[in-house]
Amino acid sequence: MNRLVLSATLVERAALRYTPAGLPALDLSLKHESEVTEDGQPRQVSMEMKAVAIGAVTRPLLAQALGTAGHYAGFVTSTRNRRGLLFHITSVEPVA
């Protein structure tokens, strides 16, 4: 199964674009920071991840202010050049 759920902050959003099929698409950057336990030891985790949203899920992301937190769900694929990973967002829930 390829499913990712991430609590993160929206730190970058490109202009709305359209796929060749005519679907709205947004390129985003998300930042996650937390403390996790690894082998019984606390560890600080901090990362930025590139993401894309295609279709109806772009609407709430366009309305979300930069710097606000959310719970993002979707799946991970390789980038076009196969040199990294890209998070495809399929749903978003803003954090109040």
Protein backbone atom coordinates (compact mmCIF):
# COMPACT_ATOMS: atom_id res chain seq x y z
CA MET A 1 0.00 0.00 0.00
CA ASN A 2 1.25 3.48 -0.86
CA ARG A 3 -0.42 5.93 1.53
CA LEU A 4 1.08 8.92 3.32
CA VAL A 5 -0.60 11.05 5.98
CA LEU A 6 1.43 14.04 7.07
CA SER A 7 0.86 16.88 9.52
CA ALA A 8 2.66 19.83 8.00
CA THR A 9 2.71 23.55 7.32
CA LEU A 10 2.10 24.95 3.85
CA VAL A 11 5.26 26.94 3.10
CA GLU A 12 5.13 27.47 -0.67
CA ARG A 13 2.44 27.43 -3.35
CA ALA A 14 3.00 28.03 -7.06
CA ALA A 15 0.42 29.60 -9.35
CA LEU A 16 -2.50 27.42 -10.39
CA ARG A 17 -1.78 25.58 -13.62
CA TYR A 18 -3.67 23.04 -15.71
CA THR A 19 -2.66 19.53 -16.77
CA PRO A 20 -2.84 18.51 -20.46
CA ALA A 21 -6.17 16.87 -19.54
CA GLY A 22 -7.48 20.24 -18.34
CA LEU A 23 -7.41 19.50 -14.59
CA PRO A 24 -6.29 22.21 -12.16
CA ALA A 25 -2.92 21.49 -10.52
CA LEU A 26 -0.91 23.13 -7.74
CA ASP A 27 2.75 22.60 -6.92
CA LEU A 28 3.42 22.99 -3.19
CA SER A 29 6.06 22.68 -0.51
CA LEU A 30 5.17 21.35 2.93
CA LYS A 31 7.27 21.55 6.10
CA HIS A 32 7.02 19.00 8.89
CA GLU A 33 8.61 19.23 12.34
CA SER A 34 8.06 16.82 15.21
CA GLU A 35 9.69 14.63 17.80
CA VAL A 36 9.51 10.87 17.30
CA THR A 37 10.91 7.89 19.16
CA GLU A 38 13.45 5.72 17.41
CA ASP A 39 14.80 2.66 19.22
CA GLY A 40 13.57 4.10 22.51
CA GLN A 41 15.33 7.45 21.99
CA PRO A 42 13.69 10.81 21.17
CA ARG A 43 14.62 12.25 17.82
CA GLN A 44 13.81 15.65 16.30
CA VAL A 45 12.50 15.40 12.75
CA SER A 46 12.42 18.34 10.37
CA MET A 47 11.91 18.15 6.62
CA GLU A 48 10.46 19.90 3.60
CA MET A 49 8.65 17.91 0.96
CA LYS A 50 7.56 18.84 -2.53
CA ALA A 51 3.94 18.04 -3.25
CA VAL A 52 1.34 18.35 -5.99
CA ALA A 53 -2.45 18.52 -5.84
CA ILE A 54 -4.56 17.77 -8.90
CA GLY A 55 -8.28 18.24 -9.37
CA ALA A 56 -10.86 19.28 -6.77
CA VAL A 57 -8.38 19.14 -3.87
CA THR A 58 -6.74 22.29 -5.28
CA ARG A 59 -9.70 24.42 -4.10
CA PRO A 60 -9.09 24.17 -0.34
CA LEU A 61 -5.34 24.49 -0.91
CA LEU A 62 -5.82 27.75 -2.83
CA ALA A 63 -7.84 29.09 0.12
CA GLN A 64 -5.29 27.98 2.74
CA ALA A 65 -2.92 30.75 3.84
CA LEU A 66 0.81 30.14 3.67
CA GLY A 67 2.18 29.24 7.09
CA THR A 68 -0.93 27.41 8.23
CA ALA A 69 -0.95 23.80 9.35
CA GLY A 70 -2.95 20.94 7.93
CA HIS A 71 -3.26 17.18 7.75
CA TYR A 72 -2.41 16.07 4.21
CA ALA A 73 -3.12 12.60 2.82
CA GLY A 74 -2.17 10.99 -0.47
CA PHE A 75 0.51 8.86 -2.07
CA VAL A 76 4.18 9.14 -3.05
CA THR A 77 5.68 8.76 -6.52
CA SER A 78 9.06 9.47 -8.04
CA THR A 79 9.64 12.82 -9.69
CA ARG A 80 9.76 13.05 -13.47
CA ASN A 81 13.56 12.87 -13.51
CA ARG A 82 13.48 9.93 -11.02
CA ARG A 83 15.84 11.76 -8.64
CA GLY A 84 13.45 12.31 -5.78
CA LEU A 85 9.99 11.74 -4.38
CA LEU A 86 6.79 13.71 -4.92
CA PHE A 87 3.81 13.66 -2.55
CA HIS A 88 0.50 13.63 -4.45
CA ILE A 89 -2.10 15.16 -2.13
CA THR A 90 -5.57 13.65 -2.44
CA SER A 91 -7.17 15.22 0.66
CA VAL A 92 -6.45 18.01 3.13
CA GLU A 93 -7.89 18.97 6.50
CA PRO A 94 -6.89 22.34 7.95
CA VAL A 95 -5.83 22.27 11.60
CA ALA A 96 -7.75 24.74 13.76
